[in-house]
Amino acid sequence: MNRTLGSRGFCAQDPDLIGTGLRPAVVIAAVQGQVEVLRLLLEAGADNNLANNQGMTALMMAARRGYVEVLRLLLATGAHKNLANKQGTTALMMAADGGHVEVMRLLLEAGADKDLANNQGTTALMMAACRGHVEVLRLLLEAGADKDLADNRGVTALKMAADGGHVEVLRLLLEAGADKDLADNEGSTALMLAADRGYDRGHVEVLRLLLEASADKNLADNRGVTAVMMAARGGHVEVLRLLLEAGADKNLADNEGSTALMMAARGGHVEVLRLLLEASADKSLADNRGVTAVMMAARGGHVVVLRLLLEAGADNNLANNQGMTALMMAARRGHVEVLRLLLEASADKSLADNRGVTAVMMAARGGHVVVLRLLLEAGADNNLANNQGMTALMMAARRGYVEVLRLLLATASWYARQSFP
């Protein structure tokens, strides 16, 4: 007696249960691309919509692996096209994610829903855009897929293409009329993302394409950060040049009051700062704490940046909300060359912050001997006291800075000799 497919001994077995209970036979056959085995199972009455423990059906497996003939057979035998696995992912999404054009075509012709989204809100179009699958995306657009749907984060297919630096995918979406200025849940647009990612060629071309499509250059995210600021803080010179040439506003400030110039100064981005100064960015603006670009450069020890700002006429004696100037910041951090540059630019050595602390006191308190020597040689007063009556000498003594103390005492002795010959 001939045994039938799936028999155990002479007893015929349910064709749905061949394999393990968690992996139906049709799913196993689809995974392995075994068309004839699958055909036999289906002819024996196997359910073509059974799923494994992850919710994956035979159709999904075939779509994910790009098995055209397996998928064709399943569709011909009535497999459900819009079932989703436990992550909410359908066969169409899996085909899009894998870049399987012919599988996509078969599913769309069979009436698969092109706009369904998985548990994260991601559609087939988004997956194709994210992966840079040009032909898959073209097919979905021709089938009328919604171009402006967004996932749970508010991210659209266009932004995913921008994020990946997929220029051709982005071009197709723009030509199809996708909204170039839609923002995600954080307020970020495709242009901002391209500006932020401007460290590689692909994202520069993405930005150029978006500008050609008249993307809004001055939109800001939820923190008030614009594309210009993102390019400036990242040190992306070419991206910044493109934005400025397109007329982007260089003096806008984020929610904390920081401008692109301040961000460039803070990051020490020389060429970015030079470009912004050439574009007449405002050098005197201060953030919400009263900190200017000059202060940020001084605090960060960025000598070349500071020189450019001073040569452009930036004020080196402005004080922040705590009364601190760039000279004080340099003294407190021990930035010798920055301090030397500020002294050469005639920064006021006698100014004190809101607590009455001068640059000399900050240098003494920090144990910065070379900085202190420069200040004293420039004629800074070492006998001033802060609001609590503390002098630089007292501060050095309290902290045990011997060399600072020695320098201050020597200077005091020198002055005594000059005053009383």
Protein backbone atom coordinates (compact mmCIF):
# COMPACT_ATOMS: atom_id res chain seq x y z
CA MET A 1 0.00 0.00 0.00
CA ASN A 2 1.36 3.37 -0.96
CA ARG A 3 1.77 5.86 1.87
CA THR A 4 0.31 9.33 1.29
CA LEU A 5 2.15 12.62 1.88
CA GLY A 6 2.53 13.22 5.57
CA SER A 7 1.56 9.74 6.66
CA ARG A 8 2.84 8.11 9.81
CA GLY A 9 2.72 4.35 9.34
CA PHE A 10 -0.48 3.72 7.35
CA CYS A 11 -2.53 6.44 9.03
CA ALA A 12 -2.96 9.62 6.99
CA GLN A 13 -1.87 12.74 8.91
CA ASP A 14 -3.52 16.16 8.87
CA PRO A 15 -1.54 18.07 6.21
CA ASP A 16 -1.72 21.24 8.34
CA LEU A 17 0.27 19.60 11.14
CA ILE A 18 3.24 18.22 9.26
CA GLY A 19 6.34 19.66 10.92
CA THR A 20 5.81 21.06 14.43
CA GLY A 21 2.75 22.58 16.01
CA LEU A 22 4.40 26.02 15.83
CA ARG A 23 5.47 25.69 12.21
CA PRO A 24 2.64 24.60 9.90
CA ALA A 25 3.71 22.55 6.91
CA VAL A 26 2.66 25.18 4.37
CA VAL A 27 4.83 27.75 6.15
CA ILE A 28 7.83 25.40 6.10
CA ALA A 29 7.35 24.71 2.40
CA ALA A 30 7.06 28.45 1.66
CA VAL A 31 10.19 29.28 3.67
CA GLN A 32 12.16 26.71 1.71
CA GLY A 33 10.71 27.80 -1.63
CA GLN A 34 9.43 24.29 -2.36
CA VAL A 35 6.68 24.96 -4.89
CA GLU A 36 5.78 21.33 -5.61
CA VAL A 37 5.66 20.37 -1.93
CA LEU A 38 3.42 23.35 -1.29
CA ARG A 39 1.19 22.39 -4.21
CA LEU A 40 0.77 18.87 -2.83
CA LEU A 41 -0.08 20.20 0.61
CA LEU A 42 -2.66 22.59 -0.78
CA GLU A 43 -4.20 19.87 -2.95
CA ALA A 44 -4.42 17.73 0.18
CA GLY A 45 -6.47 20.48 1.82
CA ALA A 46 -3.87 22.32 3.87
CA ASP A 47 -4.93 25.75 5.08
CA ASN A 48 -2.81 28.34 3.25
CA ASN A 49 -3.52 31.00 5.86
CA LEU A 50 -2.12 29.17 8.88
CA ALA A 51 0.55 31.13 10.75
CA ASN A 52 3.52 30.18 12.92
CA ASN A 53 3.97 31.39 16.48
CA GLN A 54 5.13 34.80 15.18
CA GLY A 55 2.01 35.23 13.11
CA MET A 56 3.89 34.56 9.86
CA THR A 57 1.86 32.91 7.09
CA ALA A 58 3.18 31.12 4.01
CA LEU A 59 2.37 34.19 1.90
CA MET A 60 4.40 36.43 4.19
CA MET A 61 7.37 34.06 4.08
CA ALA A 62 7.28 33.93 0.31
CA ALA A 63 7.02 37.73 0.10
CA ARG A 64 9.87 38.27 2.52
CA ARG A 65 12.15 35.90 0.63
CA GLY A 66 11.08 37.03 -2.83
CA TYR A 67 9.81 33.59 -3.94
CA VAL A 68 7.70 34.59 -6.92
CA GLU A 69 6.35 31.16 -7.88
CA VAL A 70 5.50 30.23 -4.30
CA LEU A 71 3.65 33.51 -3.90
CA ARG A 72 1.87 33.10 -7.23
CA LEU A 73 0.64 29.65 -6.15
CA LEU A 74 -0.57 30.92 -2.78
CA LEU A 75 -2.45 33.81 -4.35
CA ALA A 76 -4.03 31.46 -6.91
CA THR A 77 -5.32 29.26 -4.06
CA GLY A 78 -6.89 32.17 -2.19
CA ALA A 79 -4.26 33.09 0.41
CA HIS A 80 -5.29 36.18 2.34
CA LYS A 81 -3.25 39.14 1.10
CA ASN A 82 -3.73 41.50 4.02
CA LEU A 83 -3.05 39.33 7.05
CA ALA A 84 -0.40 40.73 9.38
CA ASN A 85 2.06 39.09 11.77
CA LYS A 86 2.36 39.97 15.45
CA GLN A 87 4.27 43.14 14.57
CA GLY A 88 1.47 44.20 12.25
CA THR A 89 3.59 43.58 9.15
CA THR A 90 1.89 42.34 5.99
CA ALA A 91 3.23 40.43 3.00
CA LEU A 92 3.30 43.64 0.96
CA MET A 93 5.42 45.41 3.58
CA MET A 94 7.85 42.49 3.67
CA ALA A 95 8.22 42.54 -0.10
CA ALA A 96 8.77 46.31 -0.03
CA ASP A 97 11.35 46.03 2.73
CA GLY A 98 13.22 43.36 0.76
CA GLY A 99 13.05 45.21 -2.55
CA HIS A 100 11.20 42.36 -4.32
CA VAL A 101 9.62 44.14 -7.27
CA GLU A 102 7.89 41.18 -8.96
CA VAL A 103 6.44 39.99 -5.67
CA MET A 104 5.18 43.51 -5.06
CA ARG A 105 3.57 43.62 -8.49
CA LEU A 106 1.75 40.30 -7.92
CA LEU A 107 0.45 41.39 -4.53
CA LEU A 108 -0.75 44.76 -5.81
CA GLU A 109 -2.45 43.14 -8.82
CA ALA A 110 -4.15 40.77 -6.41
CA GLY A 111 -5.53 43.74 -4.48
CA ALA A 112 -3.23 43.90 -1.46
CA ASP A 113 -3.83 47.05 0.60
CA LYS A 114 -0.90 49.37 -0.12
CA ASP A 115 -1.51 51.77 2.79
CA LEU A 116 -1.77 49.40 5.75
CA ALA A 117 0.68 50.20 8.56
CA ASN A 118 2.41 47.94 11.08
CA ASN A 119 2.39 48.42 14.85
CA GLN A 120 4.94 51.24 14.51
CA GLY A 121 2.83 53.00 11.91
CA THR A 122 5.19 52.10 9.06
CA THR A 123 3.72 51.47 5.60
CA ALA A 124 5.15 49.63 2.59
CA LEU A 125 6.01 52.98 0.97
CA MET A 126 7.97 54.05 4.04
CA MET A 127 9.88 50.78 4.07
CA ALA A 128 10.82 51.17 0.42
CA ALA A 129 11.88 54.78 1.02
CA CYS A 130 13.89 53.83 4.08
CA ARG A 131 15.76 51.10 2.19
CA GLY A 132 16.23 53.16 -0.97
CA HIS A 133 14.35 50.67 -3.17
CA VAL A 134 13.64 52.89 -6.17
CA GLU A 135 11.65 50.46 -8.34
CA VAL A 136 9.54 49.23 -5.43
CA LEU A 137 8.73 52.81 -4.50
CA ARG A 138 7.90 53.66 -8.11
CA LEU A 139 5.50 50.72 -8.25
CA LEU A 140 3.76 51.79 -5.04
CA LEU A 141 3.41 55.37 -6.24
CA GLU A 142 1.94 54.17 -9.53
CA ALA A 143 -0.52 52.12 -7.50
CA GLY A 144 -1.59 55.27 -5.66
CA ALA A 145 0.06 54.68 -2.30
CA ASP A 146 -0.43 57.61 0.10
CA LYS A 147 2.78 59.66 0.04
CA ASP A 148 2.15 61.71 3.17
CA LEU A 149 1.25 59.11 5.76
CA ALA A 150 3.46 59.23 8.85
CA ASP A 151 4.53 56.56 11.33
CA ASN A 152 4.01 56.75 15.10
CA ARG A 153 6.95 59.18 15.34
CA GLY A 154 5.42 61.43 12.70
CA VAL A 155 8.05 60.42 10.14
CA THR A 156 6.97 60.25 6.49
CA ALA A 157 8.42 58.33 3.55
CA LEU A 158 10.02 61.55 2.31
CA LYS A 159 11.86 62.07 5.57
CA MET A 160 13.00 58.46 5.61
CA ALA A 161 14.44 58.90 2.12
CA ALA A 162 16.20 62.08 3.27
CA ASP A 163 17.55 60.32 6.34
CA GLY A 164 19.04 57.55 4.24
CA GLY A 165 20.49 59.93 1.65
CA HIS A 166 18.44 58.23 -1.06
CA VAL A 167 18.38 60.95 -3.71
CA GLU A 168 16.48 59.07 -6.43
CA VAL A 169 13.80 57.90 -4.01
CA LEU A 170 13.44 61.46 -2.76
CA ARG A 171 13.16 62.78 -6.32
CA LEU A 172 10.36 60.30 -7.10
CA LEU A 173 8.44 61.32 -3.98
CA LEU A 174 8.80 65.03 -4.74
CA GLU A 175 7.73 64.51 -8.36
CA ALA A 176 4.70 62.62 -7.06
CA GLY A 177 3.76 65.62 -4.93
CA ALA A 178 4.84 64.49 -1.47
CA ASP A 179 4.72 67.30 1.09
CA LYS A 180 8.33 68.39 1.60
CA ASP A 181 7.66 70.45 4.74
CA LEU A 182 5.81 67.96 6.92
CA ALA A 183 7.40 67.75 10.37
CA ASP A 184 7.68 64.76 12.69
CA ASN A 185 6.59 64.69 16.34
CA GLU A 186 9.75 66.63 17.29
CA GLY A 187 9.07 69.30 14.68
CA SER A 188 11.91 68.18 12.42
CA THR A 189 11.52 68.32 8.63
CA ALA A 190 13.39 66.50 5.86
CA LEU A 191 15.46 69.64 5.17
CA MET A 192 16.55 69.89 8.80
CA LEU A 193 17.52 66.25 8.85
CA ALA A 194 19.58 66.62 5.67
CA ALA A 195 21.31 69.67 7.16
CA ASP A 196 22.03 67.80 10.37
CA ARG A 197 23.44 64.84 8.39
CA GLY A 198 25.47 67.06 6.05
CA TYR A 199 28.73 65.20 6.71
CA ASP A 200 28.38 63.03 3.57
CA ARG A 201 27.81 63.61 -0.10
CA GLY A 202 24.41 61.91 -0.19
CA HIS A 203 22.86 64.25 2.32
CA VAL A 204 24.29 67.33 0.60
CA GLU A 205 22.53 66.23 -2.60
CA VAL A 206 19.34 65.54 -0.65
CA LEU A 207 19.45 69.07 0.73
CA ARG A 208 20.13 70.54 -2.71
CA LEU A 209 17.13 68.66 -4.12
CA LEU A 210 14.85 69.85 -1.31
CA LEU A 211 15.95 73.44 -1.81
CA GLU A 212 15.28 73.15 -5.55
CA ALA A 213 11.81 71.93 -4.62
CA SER A 214 11.35 75.09 -2.48
CA ALA A 215 11.38 73.43 0.91
CA ASP A 216 10.91 75.99 3.68
CA LYS A 217 14.40 77.00 4.84
CA ASN A 218 13.39 78.77 8.03
CA LEU A 219 11.16 76.24 9.76
CA ALA A 220 12.28 75.32 13.27
CA ASP A 221 11.80 72.16 15.30
CA ASN A 222 10.18 71.99 18.74
CA ARG A 223 13.40 73.35 20.30
CA GLY A 224 13.49 76.25 17.87
CA VAL A 225 16.43 74.82 15.91
CA THR A 226 16.53 75.55 12.17
CA ALA A 227 18.38 73.86 9.31
CA VAL A 228 20.99 76.66 9.36
CA MET A 229 21.67 76.04 13.04
CA MET A 230 21.96 72.29 12.49
CA ALA A 231 24.49 72.82 9.71
CA ALA A 232 26.42 75.32 11.85
CA ARG A 233 26.62 73.17 14.97
CA GLY A 234 27.67 70.18 12.87
CA GLY A 235 30.37 72.09 11.04
CA HIS A 236 28.80 71.36 7.64
CA VAL A 237 30.23 74.14 5.48
CA GLU A 238 28.82 73.12 2.10
CA VAL A 239 25.34 72.56 3.50
CA LEU A 240 25.44 75.94 5.21
CA ARG A 241 26.59 77.64 2.02
CA LEU A 242 23.65 76.13 0.10
CA LEU A 243 21.20 77.30 2.75
CA LEU A 244 22.60 80.82 2.87
CA GLU A 245 22.63 81.09 -0.92
CA ALA A 246 18.98 80.03 -0.87
CA GLY A 247 18.21 82.91 1.49
CA ALA A 248 17.92 81.12 4.83
CA ASP A 249 17.83 83.46 7.84
CA LYS A 250 21.20 83.35 9.60
CA ASN A 251 20.15 85.27 12.73
CA LEU A 252 17.22 83.21 13.97
CA ALA A 253 17.60 81.92 17.54
CA ASP A 254 16.45 78.67 19.14
CA ASN A 255 14.36 78.41 22.31
CA GLU A 256 17.47 79.07 24.41
CA GLY A 257 18.38 82.13 22.36
CA SER A 258 21.32 80.51 20.55
CA THR A 259 22.01 81.51 16.94
CA ALA A 260 23.96 79.66 14.24
CA LEU A 261 26.95 81.94 14.88
CA MET A 262 26.96 81.05 18.57
CA MET A 263 26.73 77.35 17.77
CA ALA A 264 29.66 77.59 15.36
CA ALA A 265 31.69 79.52 17.97
CA ARG A 266 30.84 77.03 20.69
CA GLY A 267 31.86 74.10 18.47
CA GLY A 268 35.03 75.78 17.24
CA HIS A 269 33.94 75.45 13.59
CA VAL A 270 36.25 77.98 11.93
CA GLU A 271 35.06 77.75 8.31
CA VAL A 272 31.40 77.74 9.30
CA LEU A 273 31.93 80.83 11.41
CA ARG A 274 33.88 82.53 8.62
CA LEU A 275 31.01 81.84 6.23
CA LEU A 276 28.44 83.26 8.65
CA LEU A 277 30.52 86.40 9.24
CA GLU A 278 30.87 86.89 5.47
CA ALA A 279 27.09 86.65 5.31
CA SER A 280 26.89 89.44 7.95
CA ALA A 281 25.58 87.32 10.81
CA ASP A 282 24.96 89.47 13.90
CA LYS A 283 27.98 89.21 16.23
CA SER A 284 26.43 91.06 19.16
CA LEU A 285 23.44 88.80 19.81
CA ALA A 286 23.33 86.95 23.13
CA ASP A 287 21.40 83.86 24.23
CA ASN A 288 18.89 83.73 27.09
CA ARG A 289 21.77 83.63 29.61
CA GLY A 290 23.39 86.66 28.02
CA VAL A 291 26.19 84.62 26.45
CA THR A 292 27.58 85.86 23.11
CA ALA A 293 29.56 84.09 20.39
CA VAL A 294 32.75 85.75 21.72
CA MET A 295 32.13 84.29 25.18
CA MET A 296 31.43 80.85 23.75
CA ALA A 297 34.67 80.90 21.78
CA ALA A 298 36.59 82.11 24.85
CA ARG A 299 35.03 79.53 27.13
CA GLY A 300 35.81 76.74 24.67
CA GLY A 301 39.39 77.86 24.09
CA HIS A 302 38.81 78.36 20.35
CA VAL A 303 41.55 80.86 19.47
CA VAL A 304 41.05 81.07 15.70
CA VAL A 305 37.29 81.46 16.07
CA LEU A 306 37.80 84.20 18.63
CA ARG A 307 40.29 86.02 16.39
CA LEU A 308 37.80 85.99 13.51
CA LEU A 309 35.09 87.44 15.75
CA LEU A 310 37.35 90.16 17.11
CA GLU A 311 38.60 91.07 13.63
CA ALA A 312 34.95 91.34 12.58
CA GLY A 313 34.40 93.89 15.37
CA ALA A 314 32.67 91.77 17.99
CA ASP A 315 32.54 93.41 21.44
CA ASN A 316 34.86 91.60 23.87
CA ASN A 317 33.62 93.37 27.00
CA LEU A 318 29.98 92.36 26.97
CA ALA A 319 28.90 90.45 30.09
CA ASN A 320 26.40 87.61 30.51
CA ASN A 321 23.54 87.57 33.02
CA GLN A 322 25.99 86.71 35.80
CA GLY A 323 28.22 89.61 34.85
CA MET A 324 30.94 87.42 33.35
CA THR A 325 32.95 88.61 30.34
CA ALA A 326 34.95 86.59 27.81
CA LEU A 327 38.17 87.53 29.65
CA MET A 328 36.83 86.13 32.93
CA MET A 329 35.75 82.89 31.22
CA ALA A 330 39.19 82.45 29.69
CA ALA A 331 40.83 83.17 33.04
CA ARG A 332 38.60 80.74 34.89
CA ARG A 333 39.31 77.93 32.42
CA GLY A 334 43.01 78.69 32.10
CA HIS A 335 42.94 79.31 28.34
CA VAL A 336 46.28 81.08 27.94
CA GLU A 337 46.17 81.90 24.20
CA VAL A 338 42.57 83.04 24.35
CA LEU A 339 43.37 85.34 27.24
CA ARG A 340 46.45 86.69 25.47
CA LEU A 341 44.33 87.46 22.40
CA LEU A 342 41.70 89.25 24.48
CA LEU A 343 44.32 91.33 26.25
CA GLU A 344 45.82 92.29 22.88
CA ALA A 345 42.33 93.38 21.87
CA SER A 346 42.19 95.64 24.95
CA ALA A 347 39.66 93.63 26.93
CA ASP A 348 38.85 95.34 30.23
CA LYS A 349 40.87 93.66 33.00
CA SER A 350 39.16 95.43 35.88
CA LEU A 351 35.59 94.31 35.31
CA ALA A 352 33.97 92.09 37.93
CA ASP A 353 30.99 89.75 37.78
CA ASN A 354 27.81 90.04 39.88
CA ARG A 355 29.65 88.58 42.88
CA GLY A 356 32.49 91.05 42.50
CA VAL A 357 34.91 88.44 41.13
CA THR A 358 37.51 89.65 38.60
CA ALA A 359 39.56 87.76 36.02
CA VAL A 360 42.58 87.92 38.37
CA MET A 361 40.58 86.26 41.15
CA MET A 362 39.31 83.56 38.78
CA ALA A 363 42.84 82.77 37.62
CA ALA A 364 44.08 82.69 41.23
CA ARG A 365 41.18 80.54 42.40
CA GLY A 366 41.77 78.10 39.54
CA GLY A 367 45.52 77.87 40.06
CA HIS A 368 46.27 79.15 36.55
CA VAL A 369 49.74 80.65 36.99
CA VAL A 370 50.47 81.61 33.36
CA VAL A 371 47.07 83.26 32.96
CA LEU A 372 47.56 85.18 36.17
CA ARG A 373 51.01 86.34 35.09
CA LEU A 374 49.60 87.65 31.80
CA LEU A 375 46.89 89.58 33.63
CA LEU A 376 49.34 91.08 36.10
CA GLU A 377 51.79 92.02 33.36
CA ALA A 378 48.90 93.75 31.60
CA GLY A 379 48.32 95.82 34.73
CA ALA A 380 45.34 94.05 36.27
CA ASP A 381 44.72 94.98 39.90
CA ASN A 382 45.47 92.06 42.24
CA ASN A 383 44.21 93.77 45.39
CA LEU A 384 40.54 94.09 44.50
CA ALA A 385 38.11 92.19 46.73
CA ASN A 386 34.85 90.43 45.83
CA ASN A 387 31.48 91.02 47.51
CA GLN A 388 32.58 88.88 50.46
CA GLY A 389 35.81 90.79 50.88
CA MET A 390 38.01 88.02 49.42
CA THR A 391 41.09 89.01 47.36
CA ALA A 392 42.99 86.90 44.85
CA LEU A 393 45.69 86.32 47.49
CA MET A 394 43.16 84.97 49.95
CA MET A 395 41.64 82.67 47.36
CA ALA A 396 45.04 81.23 46.43
CA ALA A 397 45.91 80.77 50.09
CA ARG A 398 42.64 79.02 50.83
CA ARG A 399 43.18 76.53 48.01
CA GLY A 400 46.87 76.00 48.71
CA TYR A 401 48.13 77.15 45.30
CA VAL A 402 51.77 77.84 46.18
CA GLU A 403 52.93 79.11 42.79
CA VAL A 404 49.96 81.43 42.47
CA LEU A 405 50.56 82.71 45.96
CA ARG A 406 54.26 83.20 45.22
CA LEU A 407 53.42 85.19 42.07
CA LEU A 408 50.92 87.40 43.86
CA LEU A 409 53.31 88.09 46.74
CA ALA A 410 56.16 88.85 44.35
CA THR A 411 53.94 91.27 42.46
CA ALA A 412 52.83 92.93 45.67
CA SER A 413 56.49 93.24 46.74
CA TRP A 414 57.40 94.76 43.37
CA TYR A 415 54.62 97.32 43.68
CA ALA A 416 55.73 98.12 47.22
CA ARG A 417 59.25 98.80 45.99
CA GLN A 418 57.91 101.05 43.26
CA SER A 419 55.74 103.00 45.68
CA PHE A 420 58.28 103.33 48.45
CA PRO A 421 61.85 103.61 47.06
